[in-house]
N, C-alpha and C. Protein backbone atom coordinates (compact mmCIF):
# COMPACT_ATOMS: atom_id res chain seq x y z
N MET A 1 0.92 -1.16 -0.09
CA MET A 1 0.19 -0.08 -0.04
C MET A 1 0.98 1.30 -0.20
N ALA A 2 2.07 1.08 0.70
CA ALA A 2 2.81 2.42 0.66
C ALA A 2 3.59 2.58 -0.58
N THR A 3 3.85 1.33 -1.34
CA THR A 3 4.39 1.57 -2.66
C THR A 3 3.50 2.36 -3.40
N LEU A 4 2.12 1.93 -3.47
CA LEU A 4 1.08 2.30 -4.43
C LEU A 4 0.97 3.95 -3.95
N ASP A 5 0.92 3.97 -2.90
CA ASP A 5 0.70 5.59 -2.42
C ASP A 5 1.61 6.54 -2.92
N GLU A 6 2.98 5.83 -2.96
CA GLU A 6 4.22 6.83 -3.51
C GLU A 6 3.92 6.75 -4.99
N TYR A 7 3.37 5.82 -5.66
CA TYR A 7 3.25 5.45 -6.92
C TYR A 7 2.39 6.73 -7.54
N PHE A 8 1.00 6.89 -7.03
CA PHE A 8 -0.06 7.66 -7.22
C PHE A 8 0.18 9.04 -6.95
N GLU A 9 0.98 9.28 -5.92
CA GLU A 9 1.53 10.84 -5.71
C GLU A 9 2.46 11.36 -6.75
N GLY A 10 3.21 10.27 -7.33
CA GLY A 10 4.17 10.88 -8.30
C GLY A 10 3.52 11.20 -9.65
N VAL A 11 2.44 10.11 -9.86
CA VAL A 11 1.86 10.32 -11.10
C VAL A 11 0.67 11.41 -11.50
N ALA A 12 0.15 11.65 -10.18
CA ALA A 12 -0.80 12.68 -9.95
C ALA A 12 0.02 14.02 -10.04
N GLY A 13 1.23 14.08 -9.24
CA GLY A 13 1.78 15.29 -9.59
C GLY A 13 2.29 15.96 -10.86
N ILE A 14 2.74 14.74 -11.87
CA ILE A 14 3.40 14.85 -13.14
C ILE A 14 1.91 15.30 -13.89
N VAL A 15 0.73 14.89 -13.66
CA VAL A 15 -0.42 15.12 -14.28
C VAL A 15 -0.88 16.71 -14.21
N ILE A 16 -0.83 16.84 -12.85
CA ILE A 16 -1.31 18.39 -12.29
C ILE A 16 -0.46 19.32 -13.03
N ASN A 17 0.78 18.89 -13.08
CA ASN A 17 1.73 19.98 -13.38
C ASN A 17 1.89 20.10 -14.97
N HIS A 18 0.93 19.27 -15.62
CA HIS A 18 0.99 19.32 -17.06
C HIS A 18 -0.28 19.89 -17.57
N GLY A 19 -1.32 20.28 -16.52
CA GLY A 19 -2.60 20.98 -16.62
C GLY A 19 -3.79 19.80 -16.73
N GLY A 20 -3.64 18.69 -16.46
CA GLY A 20 -4.46 17.70 -16.36
C GLY A 20 -5.15 17.59 -15.02
N MET A 21 -6.13 16.88 -14.81
CA MET A 21 -7.14 16.73 -13.80
C MET A 21 -6.95 14.95 -13.24
N ILE A 22 -6.82 14.74 -11.94
CA ILE A 22 -7.05 13.30 -11.57
C ILE A 22 -8.60 13.07 -11.43
N ASP A 23 -9.26 12.28 -12.23
CA ASP A 23 -10.30 11.81 -12.32
C ASP A 23 -10.63 10.83 -11.10
N GLU A 24 -10.04 9.60 -11.45
CA GLU A 24 -10.23 8.78 -10.29
C GLU A 24 -8.81 7.70 -10.38
N ILE A 25 -9.07 7.11 -9.37
CA ILE A 25 -8.00 5.75 -9.09
C ILE A 25 -8.71 4.54 -9.12
N VAL A 26 -8.47 3.77 -9.87
CA VAL A 26 -9.06 2.41 -9.88
C VAL A 26 -7.99 1.31 -9.87
N GLY A 27 -8.05 0.57 -8.68
CA GLY A 27 -7.04 -0.42 -8.25
C GLY A 27 -5.70 0.08 -8.48
N ASP A 28 -5.03 -0.43 -9.38
CA ASP A 28 -3.48 0.52 -9.72
C ASP A 28 -3.48 1.50 -10.87
N ALA A 29 -4.51 1.72 -11.19
CA ALA A 29 -4.62 2.67 -12.34
C ALA A 29 -5.14 4.06 -12.25
N VAL A 30 -4.69 5.08 -12.73
CA VAL A 30 -5.29 6.48 -12.60
C VAL A 30 -5.75 6.81 -13.92
N HIS A 31 -7.06 7.43 -13.94
CA HIS A 31 -7.82 8.17 -14.86
C HIS A 31 -7.57 9.65 -14.93
N ALA A 32 -7.01 10.18 -15.91
CA ALA A 32 -6.72 11.78 -15.79
C ALA A 32 -7.58 12.19 -17.02
N LEU A 33 -7.84 13.47 -16.96
CA LEU A 33 -8.41 14.42 -17.98
C LEU A 33 -8.15 15.43 -18.51
N PHE A 34 -7.97 15.85 -19.48
CA PHE A 34 -7.17 17.08 -19.74
C PHE A 34 -8.40 18.02 -20.38
N ASN A 35 -8.49 19.30 -20.47
CA ASN A 35 -9.58 20.20 -20.87
C ASN A 35 -10.73 20.04 -20.22
N ALA A 36 -10.66 19.82 -18.99
CA ALA A 36 -11.72 19.88 -18.20
C ALA A 36 -11.02 20.15 -16.56
N LEU A 37 -11.61 20.58 -15.68
CA LEU A 37 -12.83 21.39 -15.81
C LEU A 37 -12.94 22.60 -16.71
N LEU A 38 -11.54 23.09 -16.99
CA LEU A 38 -11.21 24.31 -17.87
C LEU A 38 -10.55 23.92 -19.00
N ASP A 39 -11.40 25.03 -20.05
CA ASP A 39 -10.43 24.63 -21.43
C ASP A 39 -8.87 24.68 -21.17
N LEU A 40 -8.33 23.83 -21.92
CA LEU A 40 -6.80 23.84 -22.05
C LEU A 40 -6.15 23.71 -23.28
N GLU A 41 -5.52 24.75 -23.62
CA GLU A 41 -5.19 25.24 -25.14
C GLU A 41 -4.16 23.68 -25.39
N ASP A 42 -4.26 23.24 -26.59
CA ASP A 42 -3.36 22.16 -27.04
C ASP A 42 -3.08 20.91 -26.12
N HIS A 43 -4.48 20.58 -25.43
CA HIS A 43 -4.43 19.53 -24.59
C HIS A 43 -4.15 18.18 -24.99
N PRO A 44 -4.51 17.76 -26.22
CA PRO A 44 -3.87 16.58 -26.78
C PRO A 44 -2.47 16.62 -26.58
N GLN A 45 -1.54 17.86 -27.19
CA GLN A 45 -0.14 17.51 -27.04
C GLN A 45 0.23 17.55 -25.56
N ARG A 46 -0.27 18.23 -24.55
CA ARG A 46 0.04 18.15 -23.25
C ARG A 46 -0.41 16.76 -22.64
N ALA A 47 -1.38 16.08 -23.05
CA ALA A 47 -1.57 14.72 -22.45
C ALA A 47 -0.36 13.71 -22.96
N VAL A 48 0.21 14.17 -24.31
CA VAL A 48 1.22 13.28 -24.64
C VAL A 48 2.57 13.30 -23.90
N GLU A 49 2.91 14.86 -23.77
CA GLU A 49 4.08 15.43 -22.67
C GLU A 49 3.96 14.60 -21.55
N CYS A 50 2.76 14.73 -20.87
CA CYS A 50 2.44 14.29 -19.46
C CYS A 50 2.76 12.79 -19.59
N ALA A 51 2.39 11.90 -20.52
CA ALA A 51 2.37 10.54 -20.75
C ALA A 51 3.93 10.16 -20.60
N ILE A 52 4.72 10.96 -21.39
CA ILE A 52 6.25 10.87 -21.64
C ILE A 52 6.96 11.08 -20.46
N ALA A 53 6.39 12.08 -19.72
CA ALA A 53 7.06 12.21 -18.19
C ALA A 53 6.70 11.15 -17.21
N ILE A 54 5.56 10.78 -17.06
CA ILE A 54 5.23 9.69 -16.39
C ILE A 54 6.10 8.51 -16.83
N GLN A 55 5.97 8.10 -18.06
CA GLN A 55 6.84 6.84 -18.06
C GLN A 55 8.41 6.85 -17.86
N ALA A 56 8.97 8.05 -17.96
CA ALA A 56 10.26 8.09 -17.69
C ALA A 56 10.65 8.13 -16.10
N TRP A 57 9.22 8.99 -15.26
CA TRP A 57 9.34 8.93 -13.70
C TRP A 57 9.26 7.35 -13.40
N SER A 58 8.19 6.76 -13.92
CA SER A 58 7.91 5.43 -13.53
C SER A 58 8.80 4.36 -13.59
N GLU A 59 9.35 4.42 -14.74
CA GLU A 59 10.68 3.62 -14.93
C GLU A 59 11.73 3.76 -14.05
N ASP A 60 12.12 5.11 -13.48
CA ASP A 60 13.08 5.11 -12.59
C ASP A 60 12.49 4.58 -10.85
N CYS A 61 11.21 5.07 -10.89
CA CYS A 61 10.60 4.73 -9.56
C CYS A 61 10.73 3.33 -9.65
N ARG A 62 10.31 2.36 -10.49
CA ARG A 62 10.60 0.76 -10.33
C ARG A 62 11.80 0.41 -10.19
N ARG A 63 12.97 1.17 -10.12
CA ARG A 63 14.21 0.31 -10.09
C ARG A 63 14.80 0.49 -8.72
N HIS A 64 13.96 1.67 -7.77
CA HIS A 64 14.19 1.54 -6.52
C HIS A 64 13.58 1.28 -5.58
N ALA A 65 13.83 1.11 -4.59
CA ALA A 65 13.00 0.75 -3.24
C ALA A 65 12.13 1.89 -3.19
N PRO A 66 10.64 1.41 -2.63
CA PRO A 66 10.17 0.23 -2.06
C PRO A 66 9.63 -0.46 -3.59
N ALA A 67 9.25 0.22 -4.65
CA ALA A 67 8.93 -0.36 -5.90
C ALA A 67 9.62 -1.39 -6.45
N ALA A 68 10.99 -1.66 -6.24
CA ALA A 68 11.96 -2.60 -6.73
C ALA A 68 11.59 -3.74 -6.00
N GLU A 69 11.45 -3.80 -4.73
CA GLU A 69 11.36 -4.71 -3.72
C GLU A 69 10.24 -5.67 -4.04
N ILE A 70 8.95 -4.80 -4.58
CA ILE A 70 7.59 -5.70 -4.93
C ILE A 70 7.63 -6.03 -6.47
N GLU A 71 8.78 -5.65 -7.08
CA GLU A 71 8.91 -6.23 -8.50
C GLU A 71 7.77 -5.14 -9.42
N LEU A 72 7.43 -3.92 -9.12
CA LEU A 72 6.47 -3.04 -9.47
C LEU A 72 6.40 -3.09 -11.22
N GLY A 73 5.42 -3.38 -11.72
CA GLY A 73 5.52 -3.60 -13.28
C GLY A 73 5.34 -2.29 -13.86
N ARG A 74 5.90 -2.44 -15.23
CA ARG A 74 5.90 -1.07 -15.95
C ARG A 74 4.69 -0.45 -16.43
N THR A 75 4.62 0.97 -16.50
CA THR A 75 3.40 1.71 -16.47
C THR A 75 3.10 1.95 -18.10
N ARG A 76 1.59 1.60 -18.27
CA ARG A 76 1.12 1.71 -19.57
C ARG A 76 0.11 2.93 -19.62
N ILE A 77 0.22 3.56 -20.69
CA ILE A 77 -0.78 4.78 -20.92
C ILE A 77 -1.65 4.87 -22.42
N GLY A 78 -2.68 4.81 -22.33
CA GLY A 78 -3.43 5.03 -23.46
C GLY A 78 -4.32 6.57 -23.50
N ILE A 79 -4.08 7.11 -24.71
CA ILE A 79 -4.57 8.63 -24.96
C ILE A 79 -5.39 8.67 -26.09
N GLU A 80 -6.49 9.27 -25.83
CA GLU A 80 -7.56 9.70 -27.27
C GLU A 80 -8.19 10.89 -26.75
N THR A 81 -8.75 11.86 -27.69
CA THR A 81 -9.48 13.03 -27.51
C THR A 81 -10.66 12.93 -28.32
N GLY A 82 -11.52 13.63 -27.64
CA GLY A 82 -12.80 13.25 -28.44
C GLY A 82 -14.07 14.07 -27.30
N LEU A 83 -15.24 14.18 -27.97
CA LEU A 83 -16.19 14.69 -27.02
C LEU A 83 -16.82 13.74 -25.98
N ALA A 84 -17.17 14.02 -24.90
CA ALA A 84 -17.35 13.59 -23.69
C ALA A 84 -18.20 14.22 -23.10
N ILE A 85 -19.10 13.50 -22.28
CA ILE A 85 -20.22 13.85 -21.49
C ILE A 85 -19.26 14.12 -19.99
N VAL A 86 -19.16 15.19 -19.50
CA VAL A 86 -18.39 15.54 -18.03
C VAL A 86 -19.23 16.37 -17.00
N GLY A 87 -19.38 15.58 -15.99
CA GLY A 87 -20.14 15.87 -14.84
C GLY A 87 -20.01 15.25 -13.70
N ASP A 88 -20.90 15.53 -12.63
CA ASP A 88 -21.30 14.49 -11.68
C ASP A 88 -22.11 13.43 -12.05
N VAL A 89 -21.75 12.17 -11.67
CA VAL A 89 -22.66 11.09 -11.71
C VAL A 89 -22.33 10.23 -10.54
N GLY A 90 -23.66 9.56 -10.27
CA GLY A 90 -23.59 8.85 -8.97
C GLY A 90 -25.24 8.87 -8.25
N ILE A 91 -25.24 8.61 -7.06
CA ILE A 91 -26.10 8.38 -6.31
C ILE A 91 -26.30 9.84 -5.23
N ARG A 92 -27.50 9.95 -4.57
CA ARG A 92 -27.47 11.21 -3.94
C ARG A 92 -26.30 11.00 -2.89
N SER A 93 -26.32 9.90 -2.16
CA SER A 93 -24.88 10.09 -1.26
C SER A 93 -23.69 9.83 -1.46
N LYS A 94 -23.45 9.79 -2.68
CA LYS A 94 -22.24 9.90 -3.50
C LYS A 94 -22.14 10.09 -4.86
N LEU A 95 -21.63 11.33 -5.25
CA LEU A 95 -21.58 11.84 -6.66
C LEU A 95 -19.89 11.54 -6.78
N ASP A 96 -19.43 11.28 -8.12
CA ASP A 96 -18.32 11.50 -8.73
C ASP A 96 -18.30 12.39 -9.95
N TYR A 97 -17.19 12.99 -10.14
CA TYR A 97 -17.15 13.96 -11.38
C TYR A 97 -16.16 13.09 -11.92
N THR A 98 -16.70 12.92 -13.24
CA THR A 98 -16.20 12.01 -14.45
C THR A 98 -16.63 12.47 -15.68
N ALA A 99 -16.05 11.85 -16.84
CA ALA A 99 -16.28 11.93 -18.20
C ALA A 99 -16.69 10.47 -18.72
N ASP A 100 -17.39 10.37 -19.68
CA ASP A 100 -18.15 9.23 -20.20
C ASP A 100 -18.31 9.65 -21.67
N GLY A 101 -17.74 8.70 -22.50
CA GLY A 101 -17.96 8.72 -23.73
C GLY A 101 -16.93 7.89 -24.75
N ASP A 102 -17.08 7.90 -26.18
CA ASP A 102 -16.10 6.78 -26.90
C ASP A 102 -14.73 6.97 -26.74
N ALA A 103 -14.31 8.41 -26.64
CA ALA A 103 -12.65 8.77 -26.31
C ALA A 103 -12.57 8.20 -25.05
N VAL A 104 -13.15 8.31 -23.98
CA VAL A 104 -12.80 7.74 -22.71
C VAL A 104 -12.69 6.03 -22.97
N ASN A 105 -13.35 5.33 -23.39
CA ASN A 105 -13.43 4.03 -23.54
C ASN A 105 -12.20 3.50 -24.69
N MET A 106 -12.17 4.63 -25.65
CA MET A 106 -10.77 3.99 -26.61
C MET A 106 -9.51 4.22 -25.65
N ALA A 107 -9.47 5.30 -24.67
CA ALA A 107 -8.01 5.61 -24.39
C ALA A 107 -7.85 4.47 -23.43
N ALA A 108 -8.86 3.56 -22.56
CA ALA A 108 -8.57 2.45 -21.84
C ALA A 108 -8.33 1.19 -22.58
N ARG A 109 -8.76 1.27 -23.72
CA ARG A 109 -8.53 -0.04 -24.82
C ARG A 109 -7.06 0.10 -25.48
N LEU A 110 -6.78 1.42 -25.87
CA LEU A 110 -5.52 1.63 -26.12
C LEU A 110 -4.30 1.37 -25.12
N GLU A 111 -4.67 1.85 -23.86
CA GLU A 111 -3.76 1.31 -22.87
C GLU A 111 -3.68 0.00 -22.65
N ALA A 112 -4.43 -0.90 -22.85
CA ALA A 112 -4.55 -2.46 -22.89
C ALA A 112 -3.60 -2.85 -24.36
N CYS A 113 -3.60 -2.24 -25.37
CA CYS A 113 -2.97 -2.42 -26.37
C CYS A 113 -1.52 -2.54 -26.60
N ASN A 114 -0.88 -1.76 -25.51
CA ASN A 114 0.16 -1.56 -25.22
C ASN A 114 1.01 -3.27 -24.88
N LYS A 115 0.32 -3.93 -24.20
CA LYS A 115 0.59 -5.23 -23.89
C LYS A 115 1.03 -5.99 -25.49
N ASP A 116 0.42 -5.99 -26.45
CA ASP A 116 0.66 -6.59 -27.63
C ASP A 116 1.72 -5.81 -28.50
N LEU A 117 1.68 -4.35 -28.28
CA LEU A 117 2.43 -3.62 -29.22
C LEU A 117 4.12 -3.43 -28.40
N GLY A 118 4.11 -4.13 -27.35
CA GLY A 118 5.45 -3.48 -26.77
C GLY A 118 5.76 -2.30 -26.54
N SER A 119 4.74 -1.37 -26.37
CA SER A 119 5.01 0.03 -26.19
C SER A 119 4.57 0.14 -24.71
N ALA A 120 4.96 1.44 -24.34
CA ALA A 120 4.32 2.05 -22.89
C ALA A 120 3.35 3.01 -23.35
N ILE A 121 3.05 3.92 -24.15
CA ILE A 121 2.50 4.84 -24.58
C ILE A 121 1.50 4.73 -26.11
N CYS A 122 0.23 4.61 -25.88
CA CYS A 122 -0.55 4.50 -27.44
C CYS A 122 -1.34 5.54 -27.36
N VAL A 123 -1.28 6.35 -28.59
CA VAL A 123 -2.20 7.46 -28.54
C VAL A 123 -2.90 6.89 -29.94
N GLY A 124 -4.28 7.35 -29.82
CA GLY A 124 -5.15 7.05 -30.84
C GLY A 124 -5.22 8.01 -31.98
N PRO A 125 -5.85 7.79 -33.17
CA PRO A 125 -5.51 8.86 -34.28
C PRO A 125 -6.18 10.03 -34.00
N ALA A 126 -7.29 10.26 -33.28
CA ALA A 126 -7.77 11.64 -33.11
C ALA A 126 -6.92 12.48 -32.28
N ALA A 127 -6.21 11.98 -31.04
CA ALA A 127 -5.31 12.72 -30.73
C ALA A 127 -3.88 13.04 -31.36
N ALA A 128 -3.52 11.98 -31.88
CA ALA A 128 -2.44 12.11 -32.93
C ALA A 128 -2.57 13.27 -33.90
N ALA A 129 -3.72 13.42 -34.63
CA ALA A 129 -3.81 14.39 -35.60
C ALA A 129 -3.71 15.69 -34.96
N ARG A 130 -3.93 15.81 -33.61
CA ARG A 130 -3.92 17.14 -33.05
C ARG A 130 -2.53 17.38 -32.65
N CYS A 131 -1.36 16.59 -32.76
CA CYS A 131 -0.22 16.71 -32.18
C CYS A 131 0.79 17.10 -33.46
N GLY A 132 1.70 17.51 -33.14
CA GLY A 132 2.84 17.72 -34.12
C GLY A 132 3.14 16.59 -34.80
N ALA A 133 3.27 16.69 -36.12
CA ALA A 133 3.64 15.51 -36.92
C ALA A 133 4.73 14.83 -36.48
N SER A 134 5.87 15.81 -36.21
CA SER A 134 7.26 15.31 -35.74
C SER A 134 7.26 14.23 -34.33
N ALA A 135 6.23 14.66 -33.77
CA ALA A 135 6.14 14.37 -32.23
C ALA A 135 6.15 12.65 -32.07
N LEU A 136 5.06 12.24 -33.08
CA LEU A 136 4.45 10.76 -33.05
C LEU A 136 5.25 9.90 -34.13
N ARG A 137 5.40 8.60 -33.92
CA ARG A 137 5.49 7.63 -34.86
C ARG A 137 4.41 6.67 -35.06
N PRO A 138 3.99 6.03 -36.20
CA PRO A 138 2.89 5.28 -36.54
C PRO A 138 3.26 4.00 -36.03
N LEU A 139 2.45 3.09 -35.15
CA LEU A 139 3.02 1.88 -34.79
C LEU A 139 2.28 0.89 -35.93
N GLY A 140 1.12 1.13 -36.47
CA GLY A 140 0.43 0.03 -37.45
C GLY A 140 -0.93 0.40 -37.17
N GLN A 141 -1.98 -0.58 -37.80
CA GLN A 141 -3.13 -0.42 -37.73
C GLN A 141 -3.48 -1.85 -36.59
N LEU A 142 -4.66 -1.29 -36.03
CA LEU A 142 -5.30 -2.44 -34.62
C LEU A 142 -6.58 -2.62 -34.98
N ALA A 143 -7.12 -3.71 -34.70
CA ALA A 143 -8.53 -3.95 -34.49
C ALA A 143 -9.00 -4.00 -33.10
N VAL A 144 -9.80 -2.85 -32.65
CA VAL A 144 -10.13 -2.62 -31.27
C VAL A 144 -11.56 -2.59 -31.01
N ARG A 145 -11.94 -3.41 -29.94
CA ARG A 145 -13.15 -3.55 -29.55
C ARG A 145 -14.07 -2.23 -29.63
N GLY A 146 -15.21 -2.45 -30.39
CA GLY A 146 -16.15 -1.50 -30.42
C GLY A 146 -15.89 -0.59 -31.70
N ARG A 147 -15.05 -1.04 -32.57
CA ARG A 147 -14.67 -0.22 -33.70
C ARG A 147 -14.89 -1.25 -34.76
N SER A 148 -15.44 -0.91 -35.92
CA SER A 148 -15.61 -2.10 -36.96
C SER A 148 -14.39 -1.90 -37.93
N GLU A 149 -13.63 -0.54 -38.09
CA GLU A 149 -12.61 -0.60 -38.91
C GLU A 149 -11.15 -0.57 -38.24
N LEU A 150 -10.31 -0.99 -38.86
CA LEU A 150 -8.92 -0.72 -38.10
C LEU A 150 -8.65 0.49 -37.91
N ILE A 151 -7.91 0.84 -36.72
CA ILE A 151 -7.64 2.26 -36.36
C ILE A 151 -5.84 2.18 -36.48
N THR A 152 -5.39 3.43 -36.94
CA THR A 152 -3.93 3.62 -36.79
C THR A 152 -3.41 4.23 -35.59
N VAL A 153 -2.62 3.39 -34.91
CA VAL A 153 -2.27 4.04 -33.46
C VAL A 153 -0.74 4.51 -33.42
N PHE A 154 -0.29 5.15 -32.62
CA PHE A 154 0.68 6.01 -32.48
C PHE A 154 1.79 5.91 -31.22
N GLU A 155 2.78 6.27 -31.34
CA GLU A 155 3.72 6.33 -30.12
C GLU A 155 4.57 7.54 -29.97
N PRO A 156 4.94 8.25 -28.81
CA PRO A 156 6.00 9.07 -29.12
C PRO A 156 7.40 8.48 -29.49
N TRP A 157 8.14 9.13 -30.35
CA TRP A 157 9.41 8.60 -30.85
C TRP A 157 10.38 8.30 -29.57
N PRO A 158 11.14 7.45 -29.69
CA PRO A 158 12.24 7.19 -28.61
C PRO A 158 13.12 8.34 -28.46
N SER A 159 13.44 8.80 -27.54
CA SER A 159 14.13 10.19 -27.39
C SER A 159 15.88 10.05 -27.96
N ASP A 160 16.19 8.48 -27.89
CA ASP A 160 17.46 8.57 -28.12
C ASP A 160 17.49 7.99 -29.76
N ALA A 161 16.44 7.85 -30.58
CA ALA A 161 16.50 7.66 -31.80
C ALA A 161 16.90 8.86 -32.77
N PRO A 162 18.04 8.82 -33.34
CA PRO A 162 18.55 9.84 -34.50
C PRO A 162 17.42 9.97 -35.58
N PRO A 163 17.66 11.29 -36.03
CA PRO A 163 16.74 11.72 -37.36
C PRO A 163 16.78 10.92 -38.36
N THR A 164 18.22 10.40 -38.70
CA THR A 164 18.37 9.52 -39.77
C THR A 164 17.27 8.14 -39.73
N TRP A 165 17.68 7.63 -38.53
CA TRP A 165 16.80 6.46 -38.16
C TRP A 165 15.41 6.48 -38.07
N ARG A 166 14.74 7.62 -37.60
CA ARG A 166 13.49 7.98 -38.05
C ARG A 166 12.96 8.11 -39.21
N GLU A 167 13.91 8.92 -40.00
CA GLU A 167 13.16 9.03 -41.61
C GLU A 167 13.34 7.45 -42.14
N ALA A 168 14.26 6.78 -41.83
CA ALA A 168 14.15 5.37 -42.36
C ALA A 168 12.97 4.41 -41.95
N TYR A 169 12.42 4.70 -40.71
CA TYR A 169 11.57 3.93 -40.08
C TYR A 169 10.25 4.59 -40.78
N LEU A 170 9.98 5.92 -40.99
CA LEU A 170 8.78 6.26 -41.56
C LEU A 170 8.66 5.87 -43.31
N ALA A 171 10.12 5.61 -43.75
CA ALA A 171 9.99 5.35 -45.08
C ALA A 171 9.57 3.91 -45.39
N ALA A 172 10.26 2.95 -44.50
CA ALA A 172 9.54 1.63 -44.37
C ALA A 172 8.55 1.45 -44.05
N TYR A 173 7.81 2.33 -43.00
CA TYR A 173 6.08 2.41 -42.66
C TYR A 173 5.57 2.23 -44.04
N ALA A 174 5.84 3.50 -44.67
CA ALA A 174 5.20 4.07 -45.80
C ALA A 174 5.19 2.82 -47.12
N MET A 175 6.25 2.12 -46.80
CA MET A 175 6.34 1.10 -47.99
C MET A 175 5.47 -0.55 -47.81
N LEU A 176 5.11 -0.39 -46.59
CA LEU A 176 4.58 -1.78 -46.14
C LEU A 176 3.62 -2.45 -47.13
N ASP A 177 2.88 -1.54 -47.79
CA ASP A 177 1.71 -2.06 -48.33
C ASP A 177 2.02 -2.27 -49.89
N ASN A 178 2.95 -1.38 -50.35
CA ASN A 178 3.03 -1.28 -52.06
C ASN A 178 4.64 -1.63 -52.20
N ASP A 179 5.55 -1.89 -51.39
CA ASP A 179 6.83 -2.27 -51.73
C ASP A 179 7.51 -3.12 -50.38
N ALA A 180 6.71 -4.37 -50.36
CA ALA A 180 7.33 -5.12 -49.25
C ALA A 180 8.94 -5.37 -49.11
N ALA A 181 9.30 -5.60 -50.32
CA ALA A 181 10.55 -6.20 -50.47
C ALA A 181 11.66 -4.94 -49.73
N HIS A 182 11.37 -3.80 -50.34
CA HIS A 182 12.35 -2.56 -50.05
C HIS A 182 11.94 -2.19 -48.55
N ALA A 183 10.75 -2.46 -48.16
CA ALA A 183 10.39 -2.36 -46.74
C ALA A 183 11.15 -3.40 -45.85
N ALA A 184 11.23 -4.59 -46.25
CA ALA A 184 11.99 -5.46 -45.57
C ALA A 184 13.54 -5.32 -45.39
N MET A 185 14.11 -4.80 -46.48
CA MET A 185 15.47 -4.39 -46.33
C MET A 185 15.54 -3.30 -45.31
N LEU A 186 14.89 -2.25 -45.43
CA LEU A 186 14.90 -1.10 -44.31
C LEU A 186 14.85 -1.43 -43.10
N LEU A 187 13.79 -2.34 -42.71
CA LEU A 187 13.44 -3.04 -41.57
C LEU A 187 14.49 -3.81 -40.92
N GLN A 188 15.48 -4.59 -41.66
CA GLN A 188 16.43 -5.22 -41.30
C GLN A 188 17.41 -4.33 -40.74
N LYS A 189 17.67 -3.33 -41.70
CA LYS A 189 18.51 -2.46 -41.13
C LYS A 189 18.57 -1.54 -39.89
N LEU A 190 17.15 -1.31 -39.97
CA LEU A 190 16.56 -0.53 -38.74
C LEU A 190 16.65 -1.34 -37.33
N MET A 191 16.65 -2.67 -37.39
CA MET A 191 16.60 -3.51 -36.34
C MET A 191 18.09 -3.58 -36.07
N ALA A 192 18.97 -3.74 -37.25
CA ALA A 192 20.62 -3.83 -36.73
C ALA A 192 20.74 -2.90 -35.86
N GLU A 193 20.68 -1.53 -36.14
CA GLU A 193 20.85 -0.30 -35.50
C GLU A 193 20.27 -0.27 -34.11
N ARG A 194 19.26 -0.82 -33.99
CA ARG A 194 18.32 -0.69 -32.61
C ARG A 194 17.74 -2.03 -32.35
N PRO A 195 18.40 -3.14 -32.07
CA PRO A 195 17.73 -4.28 -31.97
C PRO A 195 16.76 -4.55 -30.77
N ALA A 196 16.65 -3.49 -29.81
CA ALA A 196 15.71 -3.68 -28.76
C ALA A 196 14.23 -3.08 -29.19
N ASP A 197 14.41 -1.99 -30.37
CA ASP A 197 13.30 -1.36 -30.72
C ASP A 197 11.99 -2.25 -30.97
N PRO A 198 10.81 -2.33 -30.13
CA PRO A 198 10.03 -3.42 -30.44
C PRO A 198 8.96 -2.82 -31.64
N ALA A 199 9.00 -1.48 -31.94
CA ALA A 199 8.06 -1.24 -33.22
C ALA A 199 8.45 -1.74 -34.52
N ALA A 200 10.14 -1.33 -34.77
CA ALA A 200 10.32 -1.96 -36.04
C ALA A 200 10.41 -3.38 -36.22
N ARG A 201 10.62 -4.16 -35.03
CA ARG A 201 10.30 -5.74 -34.88
C ARG A 201 8.86 -5.88 -35.13
N ARG A 202 7.96 -5.41 -34.73
CA ARG A 202 6.49 -5.59 -34.96
C ARG A 202 6.34 -5.40 -36.26
N LEU A 203 6.55 -4.45 -37.01
CA LEU A 203 6.48 -4.06 -38.49
C LEU A 203 7.01 -5.27 -39.33
N ALA A 204 8.25 -5.63 -39.00
CA ALA A 204 8.93 -6.68 -39.69
C ALA A 204 8.13 -7.87 -39.64
N GLY A 205 7.57 -8.16 -38.39
CA GLY A 205 6.76 -9.53 -38.37
C GLY A 205 5.56 -9.45 -39.28
N GLN A 206 5.14 -8.54 -39.75
CA GLN A 206 3.91 -8.15 -40.47
C GLN A 206 4.21 -8.66 -41.84
N LEU A 207 5.57 -8.49 -42.27
CA LEU A 207 6.07 -8.85 -43.66
C LEU A 207 6.24 -10.25 -43.93
N PRO A 208 5.75 -11.20 -44.91
CA PRO A 208 6.08 -12.54 -45.05
C PRO A 208 7.30 -12.64 -45.42
N ALA A 209 8.22 -11.88 -46.13
CA ALA A 209 9.26 -12.15 -46.42
C ALA A 209 10.26 -12.02 -45.44
N MET A 210 10.14 -10.98 -44.38
CA MET A 210 10.77 -10.88 -43.31
C MET A 210 10.34 -12.12 -42.20
N ARG A 211 9.53 -12.54 -42.16
CA ARG A 211 9.22 -13.76 -41.43
C ARG A 211 9.85 -15.22 -41.89
N LYS A 212 9.95 -15.20 -43.11
CA LYS A 212 10.67 -16.22 -43.87
C LYS A 212 12.38 -16.20 -43.72
N SER A 213 12.71 -14.79 -43.70
CA SER A 213 13.99 -14.88 -43.47
C SER A 213 14.54 -14.84 -41.87
N ASP A 214 13.70 -14.57 -41.17
CA ASP A 214 13.78 -14.79 -39.73
C ASP A 214 14.10 -16.17 -39.20
N ARG A 215 13.52 -17.39 -40.14
CA ARG A 215 13.43 -18.59 -39.83
C ARG A 215 14.36 -19.19 -40.31
N SER A 216 15.28 -18.50 -41.62
CA SER A 216 16.50 -19.12 -42.39
C SER A 216 17.52 -19.30 -41.50
N PRO A 217 18.31 -20.19 -41.46
CA PRO A 217 19.58 -20.54 -41.03
C PRO A 217 20.84 -19.26 -41.17
N THR A 218 21.44 -18.97 -40.13
CA THR A 218 22.58 -18.18 -40.40
C THR A 218 23.66 -18.56 -40.34
């Protein structure tokens, strides 16, 4: 309980410093709102910046006592923006100020998508469209419960990825559907330069040529 209290204090402080509001804490999860109660300019970008700060802080937190002693897991974050109904909900003896709507549900589902993506921050298409194009990289298209169509999801660029590597990643991503062979070559190079990068490896796994080469003897 002491570890969770420390964790919640740290996360809440980062959210507030970025202009967000803590809506509720459920289990070991924190639900935060941006652009409520008050209008907040550039709130999708602020939410992404907040997520990056939370990820950095939480990774440091889990390496030290008391979090390290109980092997606190990594923090996963989902972000989406859109219209929501915001206000007091509940019964006469207990009211909670909260938000309800598709964007809220989507953020929760994107948080869970990080498990399969190998990412820590998963940003939905609506929020990504309102952030700077250079701030996020595409992770691919996913089927998400509640949506009939595939959606493209994004994450912040790794801070240590050089500009040339980023350009090559975007080039490979653009070629996935119409030039798989060239995309495979680029992705092999990207993985050689950054073998721990899960996004490049996931994209490579979607290409039949790459899957075959991975099985070939060296």
